[in-house]
Amino acid sequence: MCNNIKTLSKTSQGELSLCKNCKHFHLEFNNIYFEFTVNEFKQFKQYVLNLEPEFWECKYAEANISKKIPIPTLQDNLILMFNRQEFLQLKVLVNKPILNIYKKSISVNDIDYTLILN
């Protein structure tokens, strides 16, 4: 069990920390928990930073699912799915220093809400 943990990044949906003893990264995000070695974390970070959410949102535009951004795992039948807000939060967590994504205005497409006109 790690007992010398330093928090590297934190958002409302998760936290990234590093154990100074074993050099493992701990990523807690919503109901998902990862434990990475240094190399595994570098690979995961590269994957997340290079992922294009617009591509996946267009690809799954007609699908009846709210989370359209996939991150595959080594287990063939397990894919982690995120909506845009979750994905941006994950990106902030793994990318230290924190991105300036919150300084821009949001568009209607960025809001995860079904509008019902009466």
C-alpha atoms as a PDB file:
ATOM      1  CA  MET A   1       0.000   0.000   0.000  1.00  0.00           C
ATOM      2  CA  CYS A   2       1.331   3.424  -0.938  1.00  0.00           C
ATOM      3  CA  ASN A   3       1.770   5.817   1.961  1.00  0.00           C
ATOM      4  CA  ASN A   4       3.871   8.625   0.474  1.00  0.00           C
ATOM      5  CA  ILE A   5       1.455  10.037  -2.100  1.00  0.00           C
ATOM      6  CA  LYS A   6       1.626  13.502  -3.634  1.00  0.00           C
ATOM      7  CA  THR A   7      -1.401  14.961  -5.439  1.00  0.00           C
ATOM      8  CA  LEU A   8      -0.360  16.281  -8.856  1.00  0.00           C
ATOM      9  CA  SER A   9      -3.676  17.423 -10.259  1.00  0.00           C
ATOM     10  CA  LYS A  10      -7.249  17.591  -9.070  1.00  0.00           C
ATOM     11  CA  THR A  11     -10.634  18.452 -10.581  1.00  0.00           C
ATOM     12  CA  SER A  12     -14.221  18.059  -9.451  1.00  0.00           C
ATOM     13  CA  GLN A  13     -14.334  14.638 -11.134  1.00  0.00           C
ATOM     14  CA  GLY A  14     -11.003  13.148 -10.199  1.00  0.00           C
ATOM     15  CA  GLU A  15      -7.472  13.270  -8.940  1.00  0.00           C
ATOM     16  CA  LEU A  16      -4.027  12.322 -10.204  1.00  0.00           C
ATOM     17  CA  SER A  17      -1.397  11.455  -7.626  1.00  0.00           C
ATOM     18  CA  LEU A  18       2.067   9.931  -7.528  1.00  0.00           C
ATOM     19  CA  CYS A  19       3.530   7.596  -4.928  1.00  0.00           C
ATOM     20  CA  LYS A  20       7.053   8.795  -4.199  1.00  0.00           C
ATOM     21  CA  ASN A  21       8.113   5.353  -2.963  1.00  0.00           C
ATOM     22  CA  CYS A  22       6.994   3.027  -5.770  1.00  0.00           C
ATOM     23  CA  LYS A  23       6.755   5.744  -8.486  1.00  0.00           C
ATOM     24  CA  HIS A  24       3.255   4.642  -9.509  1.00  0.00           C
ATOM     25  CA  PHE A  25       0.658   7.096 -10.727  1.00  0.00           C
ATOM     26  CA  HIS A  26      -2.835   6.810  -9.270  1.00  0.00           C
ATOM     27  CA  LEU A  27      -5.650   8.231 -11.384  1.00  0.00           C
ATOM     28  CA  GLU A  28      -9.105   8.341  -9.861  1.00  0.00           C
ATOM     29  CA  PHE A  29     -11.788   9.596 -12.229  1.00  0.00           C
ATOM     30  CA  ASN A  30     -15.504   9.344 -11.420  1.00  0.00           C
ATOM     31  CA  ASN A  31     -15.982   5.619 -10.783  1.00  0.00           C
ATOM     32  CA  ILE A  32     -12.758   4.552 -12.552  1.00  0.00           C
ATOM     33  CA  TYR A  33      -9.421   3.933 -10.840  1.00  0.00           C
ATOM     34  CA  PHE A  34      -6.107   3.396 -12.648  1.00  0.00           C
ATOM     35  CA  GLU A  35      -2.670   2.559 -11.321  1.00  0.00           C
ATOM     36  CA  PHE A  36       0.121   3.227 -13.829  1.00  0.00           C
ATOM     37  CA  THR A  37       3.862   2.769 -13.927  1.00  0.00           C
ATOM     38  CA  VAL A  38       5.757   5.776 -15.291  1.00  0.00           C
ATOM     39  CA  ASN A  39       5.842   4.316 -18.823  1.00  0.00           C
ATOM     40  CA  GLU A  40       2.189   3.283 -18.723  1.00  0.00           C
ATOM     41  CA  PHE A  41       1.183   6.762 -17.604  1.00  0.00           C
ATOM     42  CA  LYS A  42       3.223   8.379 -20.392  1.00  0.00           C
ATOM     43  CA  GLN A  43       1.489   6.168 -22.963  1.00  0.00           C
ATOM     44  CA  PHE A  44      -1.967   6.844 -21.509  1.00  0.00           C
ATOM     45  CA  LYS A  45      -1.293  10.583 -21.399  1.00  0.00           C
ATOM     46  CA  GLN A  46      -0.115  10.596 -25.033  1.00  0.00           C
ATOM     47  CA  TYR A  47      -3.213   8.698 -26.082  1.00  0.00           C
ATOM     48  CA  VAL A  48      -5.573  11.073 -24.262  1.00  0.00           C
ATOM     49  CA  LEU A  49      -3.826  14.208 -25.517  1.00  0.00           C
ATOM     50  CA  ASN A  50      -3.835  12.979 -29.124  1.00  0.00           C
ATOM     51  CA  LEU A  51      -7.435  11.775 -29.106  1.00  0.00           C
ATOM     52  CA  GLU A  52      -9.774  13.892 -31.237  1.00  0.00           C
ATOM     53  CA  PRO A  53     -13.199  14.042 -29.566  1.00  0.00           C
ATOM     54  CA  GLU A  54     -14.769  15.739 -32.604  1.00  0.00           C
ATOM     55  CA  PHE A  55     -14.025  12.684 -34.756  1.00  0.00           C
ATOM     56  CA  TRP A  56     -15.728  10.292 -32.340  1.00  0.00           C
ATOM     57  CA  GLU A  57     -18.681  12.607 -31.734  1.00  0.00           C
ATOM     58  CA  CYS A  58     -19.262  12.731 -35.499  1.00  0.00           C
ATOM     59  CA  LYS A  59     -18.773   8.981 -35.891  1.00  0.00           C
ATOM     60  CA  TYR A  60     -21.336   8.210 -33.183  1.00  0.00           C
ATOM     61  CA  ALA A  61     -23.613  11.180 -33.934  1.00  0.00           C
ATOM     62  CA  GLU A  62     -26.557   8.934 -34.836  1.00  0.00           C
ATOM     63  CA  ALA A  63     -25.975   6.462 -32.003  1.00  0.00           C
ATOM     64  CA  ASN A  64     -28.409   6.610 -29.121  1.00  0.00           C
ATOM     65  CA  ILE A  65     -25.689   6.983 -26.479  1.00  0.00           C
ATOM     66  CA  SER A  66     -24.719  10.054 -24.472  1.00  0.00           C
ATOM     67  CA  LYS A  67     -21.023   9.180 -24.164  1.00  0.00           C
ATOM     68  CA  LYS A  68     -19.359   9.026 -27.566  1.00  0.00           C
ATOM     69  CA  ILE A  69     -15.619   9.306 -26.928  1.00  0.00           C
ATOM     70  CA  PRO A  70     -14.041   5.833 -26.492  1.00  0.00           C
ATOM     71  CA  ILE A  71     -10.794   4.853 -24.827  1.00  0.00           C
ATOM     72  CA  PRO A  72     -10.041   1.178 -25.490  1.00  0.00           C
ATOM     73  CA  THR A  73      -8.492  -1.123 -22.911  1.00  0.00           C
ATOM     74  CA  LEU A  74      -6.448  -4.302 -23.238  1.00  0.00           C
ATOM     75  CA  GLN A  75      -9.560  -6.283 -22.404  1.00  0.00           C
ATOM     76  CA  ASP A  76     -11.380  -6.707 -25.732  1.00  0.00           C
ATOM     77  CA  ASN A  77     -14.869  -6.406 -24.310  1.00  0.00           C
ATOM     78  CA  LEU A  78     -14.177  -3.295 -22.191  1.00  0.00           C
ATOM     79  CA  ILE A  79     -14.134   0.227 -23.633  1.00  0.00           C
ATOM     80  CA  LEU A  80     -14.247   3.333 -21.457  1.00  0.00           C
ATOM     81  CA  MET A  81     -16.731   5.873 -22.809  1.00  0.00           C
ATOM     82  CA  PHE A  82     -16.740   9.597 -22.039  1.00  0.00           C
ATOM     83  CA  ASN A  83     -18.817  12.616 -22.981  1.00  0.00           C
ATOM     84  CA  ARG A  84     -17.062  15.838 -23.951  1.00  0.00           C
ATOM     85  CA  GLN A  85     -17.110  17.364 -20.463  1.00  0.00           C
ATOM     86  CA  GLU A  86     -15.711  14.204 -18.869  1.00  0.00           C
ATOM     87  CA  PHE A  87     -13.052  13.901 -21.553  1.00  0.00           C
ATOM     88  CA  LEU A  88     -11.907  17.504 -21.057  1.00  0.00           C
ATOM     89  CA  GLN A  89     -11.707  16.934 -17.293  1.00  0.00           C
ATOM     90  CA  LEU A  90      -9.629  13.785 -17.885  1.00  0.00           C
ATOM     91  CA  LYS A  91      -7.368  15.738 -20.227  1.00  0.00           C
ATOM     92  CA  VAL A  92      -6.852  18.394 -17.551  1.00  0.00           C
ATOM     93  CA  LEU A  93      -5.952  15.746 -14.972  1.00  0.00           C
ATOM     94  CA  VAL A  94      -3.288  14.019 -17.066  1.00  0.00           C
ATOM     95  CA  ASN A  95      -1.820  17.168 -18.590  1.00  0.00           C
ATOM     96  CA  LYS A  96       0.155  19.067 -15.989  1.00  0.00           C
ATOM     97  CA  PRO A  97       0.316  22.106 -16.212  1.00  0.00           C
ATOM     98  CA  ILE A  98      -3.422  22.530 -16.426  1.00  0.00           C
ATOM     99  CA  LEU A  99      -4.810  23.414 -19.837  1.00  0.00           C
ATOM    100  CA  ASN A 100      -6.528  26.740 -20.324  1.00  0.00           C
ATOM    101  CA  ILE A 101      -9.694  25.140 -21.667  1.00  0.00           C
ATOM    102  CA  TYR A 102     -11.912  26.976 -19.206  1.00  0.00           C
ATOM    103  CA  LYS A 103     -10.951  30.437 -20.460  1.00  0.00           C
ATOM    104  CA  LYS A 104     -12.884  30.106 -23.714  1.00  0.00           C
ATOM    105  CA  SER A 105     -16.593  30.445 -24.252  1.00  0.00           C
ATOM    106  CA  ILE A 106     -18.619  27.289 -24.631  1.00  0.00           C
ATOM    107  CA  SER A 107     -20.923  26.558 -27.524  1.00  0.00           C
ATOM    108  CA  VAL A 108     -24.346  24.946 -27.518  1.00  0.00           C
ATOM    109  CA  ASN A 109     -22.741  21.648 -28.587  1.00  0.00           C
ATOM    110  CA  ASP A 110     -20.587  21.632 -25.433  1.00  0.00           C
ATOM    111  CA  ILE A 111     -23.643  21.498 -23.162  1.00  0.00           C
ATOM    112  CA  ASP A 112     -24.869  17.983 -22.397  1.00  0.00           C
ATOM    113  CA  TYR A 113     -28.574  18.734 -22.067  1.00  0.00           C
ATOM    114  CA  THR A 114     -31.676  17.656 -23.940  1.00  0.00           C
ATOM    115  CA  LEU A 115     -33.822  20.716 -24.593  1.00  0.00           C
ATOM    116  CA  ILE A 116     -37.546  20.039 -24.735  1.00  0.00           C
ATOM    117  CA  LEU A 117     -39.709  22.797 -26.148  1.00  0.00           C
ATOM    118  CA  ASN A 118     -43.296  22.767 -24.884  1.00  0.00           C
END
